[in-house]
Amino acid sequence: MRDHIDIFAAEILDHQEVAPEHFVMTLDAPSIAERSRPGQFVMVRSLGTWDPLLPRAFSIYHADAEAGCIQIMYREVGRGTQRLRLHEPGQRVHLWGPLGTHFPLPEGERVVLVGGGVGVPPLVYWATYMAQLTVPMDVIALIGAAKQEFLVGLEHLRRARAEVRVATDDGSAGHHGYVTELLPELLEDGRASVYACGPMGMLAAVSRIAEAREVPTWLALEAPMACGMGACLGCTVPLRAGGFARVCTEGPVFPAASIAW
């Protein structure tokens, strides 16, 4: 839950292209790094311009409380990320966070992570966090992308002692097809906990597969946001119990069974 939000101009410490169209930005943000948890996000906006007007939401990829920095990963897809890509180390961006809810601890010893596209960052952060826990867990990461060049975060997942399996739409690496096609066989005995982040279609498929096997599943939803603090109501999702929830405040992490697909 959100207890305190810091809003400030954060210095860019590093900015690297890690795959075609994919970038990792390291920001000097001690207060956010100290309080953030896997699944939470930050809002980022370029300084010195009103174009684009609105900030962008990014899941936290890494947080290092000792070094006082956080990392975000993004893919250059529109005006906001095109503008962000032009920033160099030493410049500053408008930053606020940490925002939203975080992943709860798993119920069993096997954890399955399912990530698609730029939904990978919170899962990398979660795997890194779990690797530091005293309770041993068997972590399997299923990562999907359109093609091999867009597979990101794999080395960090392996460093966190996760077994990594990949799927690509074009068959250039791993399973030829959707990443969700790798999930059913891992849930047959019902002993796993599932965490997923990615496109809504992928998350709906994960939810259906896991619910049919009565496996507890948590989803980090992605939605357009203008504020990140619940004021604009632009990021609502329908709930199975009725009504709507704001992804930025009630989420972005939801039990899969709570969403009305």
Protein backbone atom coordinates (compact mmCIF):
# COMPACT_ATOMS: atom_id res chain seq x y z
CA MET A 1 0.00 0.00 0.00
CA ARG A 2 1.03 3.58 -0.51
CA ASP A 3 2.23 5.25 2.70
CA HIS A 4 4.35 8.10 1.38
CA ILE A 5 5.15 9.44 -2.08
CA ASP A 6 8.30 11.35 -2.93
CA ILE A 7 8.13 13.82 -5.83
CA PHE A 8 11.38 15.33 -7.03
CA ALA A 9 13.79 15.90 -9.90
CA ALA A 10 15.95 12.77 -10.05
CA GLU A 11 19.37 12.67 -11.64
CA ILE A 12 19.97 10.07 -14.34
CA LEU A 13 23.01 8.02 -13.34
CA ASP A 14 23.08 5.71 -16.35
CA HIS A 15 21.03 5.13 -19.50
CA GLN A 16 21.71 2.11 -21.72
CA GLU A 17 20.09 0.37 -24.66
CA VAL A 18 19.92 -3.29 -23.57
CA ALA A 19 18.10 -4.67 -26.62
CA PRO A 20 16.70 -3.16 -29.83
CA GLU A 21 14.26 -0.41 -28.75
CA HIS A 22 14.64 -1.40 -25.07
CA PHE A 23 16.37 0.87 -22.57
CA VAL A 24 17.30 0.76 -18.87
CA MET A 25 17.53 4.05 -16.98
CA THR A 26 19.20 4.25 -13.56
CA LEU A 27 17.95 7.06 -11.32
CA ASP A 28 19.33 8.57 -8.14
CA ALA A 29 16.36 8.06 -5.82
CA PRO A 30 17.41 6.99 -2.28
CA SER A 31 14.01 7.44 -0.65
CA ILE A 32 12.21 5.42 -3.33
CA ALA A 33 14.88 2.70 -3.38
CA GLU A 34 14.56 2.26 0.38
CA ARG A 35 10.78 1.83 0.43
CA SER A 36 9.91 0.20 -2.88
CA ARG A 37 8.77 -3.42 -3.18
CA PRO A 38 8.42 -5.71 -6.22
CA GLY A 39 5.30 -4.95 -8.22
CA GLN A 40 5.26 -1.24 -7.44
CA PHE A 41 5.91 1.47 -10.02
CA VAL A 42 7.00 5.08 -10.47
CA MET A 43 5.83 7.94 -12.66
CA VAL A 44 8.43 9.64 -14.87
CA ARG A 45 8.19 12.82 -16.91
CA SER A 46 10.77 14.76 -18.89
CA LEU A 47 11.70 18.17 -17.49
CA GLY A 48 11.83 21.37 -19.50
CA THR A 49 9.03 20.53 -21.93
CA TRP A 50 5.25 20.24 -22.01
CA ASP A 51 5.29 17.81 -24.92
CA PRO A 52 4.18 15.25 -24.02
CA LEU A 53 2.17 16.72 -21.19
CA LEU A 54 1.47 13.55 -19.23
CA PRO A 55 4.01 11.40 -17.38
CA ARG A 56 4.53 7.70 -18.01
CA ALA A 57 4.22 4.82 -15.52
CA PHE A 58 7.10 2.35 -15.27
CA SER A 59 7.44 -0.75 -13.12
CA ILE A 60 10.53 -0.77 -10.92
CA TYR A 61 13.10 -3.08 -12.49
CA HIS A 62 15.69 -2.94 -9.70
CA ALA A 63 15.99 -1.07 -6.41
CA ASP A 64 19.25 -0.80 -4.49
CA ALA A 65 18.66 0.78 -1.09
CA GLU A 66 22.37 0.76 -0.24
CA ALA A 67 23.36 2.58 -3.44
CA GLY A 68 20.25 4.77 -3.30
CA CYS A 69 19.13 4.14 -6.87
CA ILE A 70 16.37 2.49 -8.87
CA GLN A 71 16.13 1.26 -12.43
CA ILE A 72 13.30 1.30 -14.93
CA MET A 73 13.14 -0.51 -18.25
CA TYR A 74 11.07 0.73 -21.17
CA ARG A 75 10.54 0.15 -24.86
CA GLU A 76 10.54 3.12 -27.21
CA VAL A 77 7.03 3.06 -28.65
CA GLY A 78 5.56 6.59 -28.56
CA ARG A 79 6.25 10.26 -27.96
CA GLY A 80 6.78 9.88 -24.22
CA THR A 81 9.40 7.15 -24.49
CA GLN A 82 10.95 8.75 -27.57
CA ARG A 83 11.51 11.88 -25.50
CA LEU A 84 12.82 9.86 -22.56
CA ARG A 85 15.33 8.08 -24.78
CA LEU A 86 17.08 11.40 -25.53
CA HIS A 87 18.07 11.92 -21.89
CA GLU A 88 21.70 11.42 -20.95
CA PRO A 89 23.43 10.73 -17.60
CA GLY A 90 23.67 13.92 -15.55
CA GLN A 91 20.29 15.20 -16.71
CA ARG A 92 17.19 15.02 -14.53
CA VAL A 93 13.62 13.80 -14.87
CA HIS A 94 10.53 14.44 -12.80
CA LEU A 95 9.98 11.34 -10.67
CA TRP A 96 7.40 10.27 -8.08
CA GLY A 97 6.82 7.06 -6.19
CA PRO A 98 6.86 4.36 -5.03
CA LEU A 99 3.27 3.82 -6.12
CA GLY A 100 0.74 1.03 -5.92
CA THR A 101 0.59 -2.37 -4.29
CA HIS A 102 3.27 -5.05 -4.30
CA PHE A 103 3.44 -8.82 -4.78
CA PRO A 104 2.46 -10.91 -1.73
CA LEU A 105 4.68 -13.78 -0.64
CA PRO A 106 4.03 -17.14 -2.35
CA GLU A 107 2.01 -19.85 -0.64
CA GLY A 108 4.19 -22.77 -1.71
CA GLU A 109 7.76 -23.67 -2.55
CA ARG A 110 7.34 -23.45 -6.33
CA VAL A 111 6.93 -20.05 -7.96
CA VAL A 112 6.13 -19.56 -11.63
CA LEU A 113 6.74 -16.15 -13.18
CA VAL A 114 5.11 -15.34 -16.53
CA GLY A 115 6.29 -12.23 -18.36
CA GLY A 116 5.60 -10.85 -21.80
CA GLY A 117 7.25 -7.87 -23.50
CA VAL A 118 7.99 -5.02 -21.11
CA GLY A 119 6.04 -6.87 -18.40
CA VAL A 120 9.33 -8.51 -17.43
CA PRO A 121 10.78 -5.78 -15.11
CA PRO A 122 8.61 -6.35 -11.99
CA LEU A 123 9.19 -10.10 -12.28
CA VAL A 124 12.97 -9.60 -12.37
CA TYR A 125 12.69 -7.43 -9.26
CA TRP A 126 10.50 -10.09 -7.59
CA ALA A 127 12.91 -12.93 -8.43
CA THR A 128 15.83 -10.90 -7.06
CA TYR A 129 13.86 -10.15 -3.88
CA MET A 130 12.88 -13.81 -3.34
CA ALA A 131 16.47 -14.96 -3.86
CA GLN A 132 17.40 -13.00 -0.72
CA LEU A 133 14.78 -14.73 1.46
CA THR A 134 15.80 -17.45 3.89
CA VAL A 135 13.06 -19.82 2.69
CA PRO A 136 14.27 -21.77 -0.37
CA MET A 137 11.95 -21.65 -3.38
CA ASP A 138 11.94 -23.25 -6.80
CA VAL A 139 11.47 -20.33 -9.21
CA ILE A 140 10.67 -20.90 -12.88
CA ALA A 141 10.46 -17.88 -15.19
CA LEU A 142 8.50 -18.11 -18.44
CA ILE A 143 9.46 -15.16 -20.64
CA GLY A 144 7.89 -14.34 -23.99
CA ALA A 145 8.61 -11.85 -26.75
CA ALA A 146 7.87 -11.30 -30.42
CA LYS A 147 11.39 -12.37 -31.38
CA GLN A 148 14.69 -13.34 -29.80
CA GLU A 149 16.13 -9.81 -29.91
CA PHE A 150 13.32 -8.57 -27.65
CA LEU A 151 13.90 -11.09 -24.85
CA VAL A 152 15.11 -9.02 -21.89
CA GLY A 153 16.04 -9.58 -18.25
CA LEU A 154 17.07 -13.20 -18.72
CA GLU A 155 20.55 -12.82 -17.23
CA HIS A 156 19.14 -11.13 -14.12
CA LEU A 157 16.59 -13.90 -13.65
CA ARG A 158 19.29 -16.56 -13.90
CA ARG A 159 21.43 -14.60 -11.46
CA ALA A 160 18.51 -14.79 -9.05
CA ARG A 161 18.63 -18.59 -9.41
CA ALA A 162 15.48 -18.83 -11.52
CA GLU A 163 15.11 -21.48 -14.19
CA VAL A 164 14.37 -19.57 -17.39
CA ARG A 165 12.23 -20.85 -20.27
CA VAL A 166 11.48 -18.64 -23.27
CA ALA A 167 8.91 -18.43 -26.05
CA THR A 168 8.93 -16.29 -29.17
CA ASP A 169 6.14 -15.55 -31.62
CA ASP A 170 8.41 -16.18 -34.61
CA GLY A 171 10.17 -19.22 -33.16
CA SER A 172 13.60 -17.58 -33.18
CA ALA A 173 14.26 -18.72 -29.59
CA GLY A 174 12.71 -21.34 -27.33
CA HIS A 175 9.09 -22.37 -27.77
CA HIS A 176 7.49 -21.26 -31.03
CA GLY A 177 4.26 -19.67 -29.86
CA TYR A 178 2.72 -17.89 -26.88
CA VAL A 179 4.50 -17.96 -23.54
CA THR A 180 1.25 -19.03 -21.85
CA GLU A 181 1.48 -22.35 -23.71
CA LEU A 182 4.39 -23.23 -21.39
CA LEU A 183 2.32 -22.74 -18.24
CA PRO A 184 -0.16 -25.66 -17.94
CA GLU A 185 2.41 -28.43 -17.43
CA LEU A 186 3.94 -26.55 -14.50
CA LEU A 187 0.61 -26.37 -12.67
CA GLU A 188 -0.65 -29.92 -12.98
CA ASP A 189 0.03 -30.83 -9.35
CA GLY A 190 -1.40 -27.53 -8.08
CA ARG A 191 1.55 -26.75 -5.79
CA ALA A 192 2.68 -23.52 -7.45
CA SER A 193 2.03 -19.81 -7.01
CA VAL A 194 1.90 -17.77 -10.22
CA TYR A 195 2.92 -14.14 -10.77
CA ALA A 196 2.48 -12.49 -14.15
CA CYS A 197 2.88 -9.17 -15.93
CA GLY A 198 2.42 -8.31 -19.58
CA PRO A 199 -0.26 -7.52 -22.16
CA MET A 200 -3.87 -7.88 -21.00
CA GLY A 201 -4.54 -10.73 -23.42
CA MET A 202 -1.64 -12.68 -21.94
CA LEU A 203 -2.80 -11.98 -18.39
CA ALA A 204 -6.34 -13.14 -19.21
CA ALA A 205 -4.91 -16.41 -20.56
CA VAL A 206 -2.74 -16.88 -17.45
CA SER A 207 -5.79 -16.27 -15.27
CA ARG A 208 -7.90 -18.86 -17.10
CA ILE A 209 -5.16 -21.51 -17.02
CA ALA A 210 -4.38 -21.00 -13.32
CA GLU A 211 -8.01 -20.75 -12.19
CA ALA A 212 -8.87 -24.05 -13.91
CA ARG A 213 -6.20 -25.69 -11.75
CA GLU A 214 -7.03 -23.72 -8.57
CA VAL A 215 -3.56 -22.20 -8.43
CA PRO A 216 -3.17 -18.85 -6.56
CA THR A 217 -2.21 -16.20 -9.11
CA TRP A 218 -1.25 -12.55 -8.87
CA LEU A 219 -1.16 -10.16 -11.80
CA ALA A 220 0.64 -6.83 -12.16
CA LEU A 221 -1.61 -4.95 -14.57
CA GLU A 222 -0.51 -2.38 -17.10
CA ALA A 223 -2.80 0.57 -17.84
CA PRO A 224 -2.51 4.14 -19.18
CA MET A 225 -2.10 6.58 -16.30
CA ALA A 226 -2.04 10.34 -16.04
CA CYS A 227 -1.28 10.79 -12.34
CA GLY A 228 -0.51 7.45 -10.66
CA MET A 229 -2.36 8.53 -7.50
CA GLY A 230 -6.01 7.76 -8.21
CA ALA A 231 -7.21 11.22 -9.16
CA CYS A 232 -7.84 10.92 -12.89
CA LEU A 233 -9.72 7.56 -12.97
CA GLY A 234 -8.11 6.78 -16.31
CA CYS A 235 -6.76 3.35 -15.35
CA THR A 236 -9.81 1.51 -14.04
CA VAL A 237 -10.46 -2.20 -14.62
CA PRO A 238 -13.73 -4.10 -14.11
CA LEU A 239 -14.00 -6.43 -11.12
CA ARG A 240 -15.73 -9.81 -11.04
CA ALA A 241 -17.54 -8.81 -7.85
CA GLY A 242 -18.88 -5.70 -9.56
CA GLY A 243 -17.65 -2.15 -9.93
CA PHE A 244 -14.20 -1.02 -10.91
CA ALA A 245 -10.73 -0.69 -9.36
CA ARG A 246 -8.01 1.85 -10.08
CA VAL A 247 -4.85 0.12 -11.25
CA CYS A 248 -2.66 2.88 -9.79
CA THR A 249 -3.95 2.67 -6.20
CA GLU A 250 -5.89 -0.56 -5.66
CA GLY A 251 -3.31 -2.20 -7.94
CA PRO A 252 -1.28 -2.66 -10.00
CA VAL A 253 -1.09 -6.10 -8.29
CA PHE A 254 -4.43 -7.92 -8.17
CA PRO A 255 -5.51 -11.51 -7.48
CA ALA A 256 -6.21 -12.91 -10.93
CA ALA A 257 -9.62 -14.20 -9.84
CA SER A 258 -10.77 -10.67 -8.92
CA ILE A 259 -10.67 -9.30 -12.49
CA ALA A 260 -13.70 -9.49 -14.81
CA TRP A 261 -12.13 -10.55 -18.10
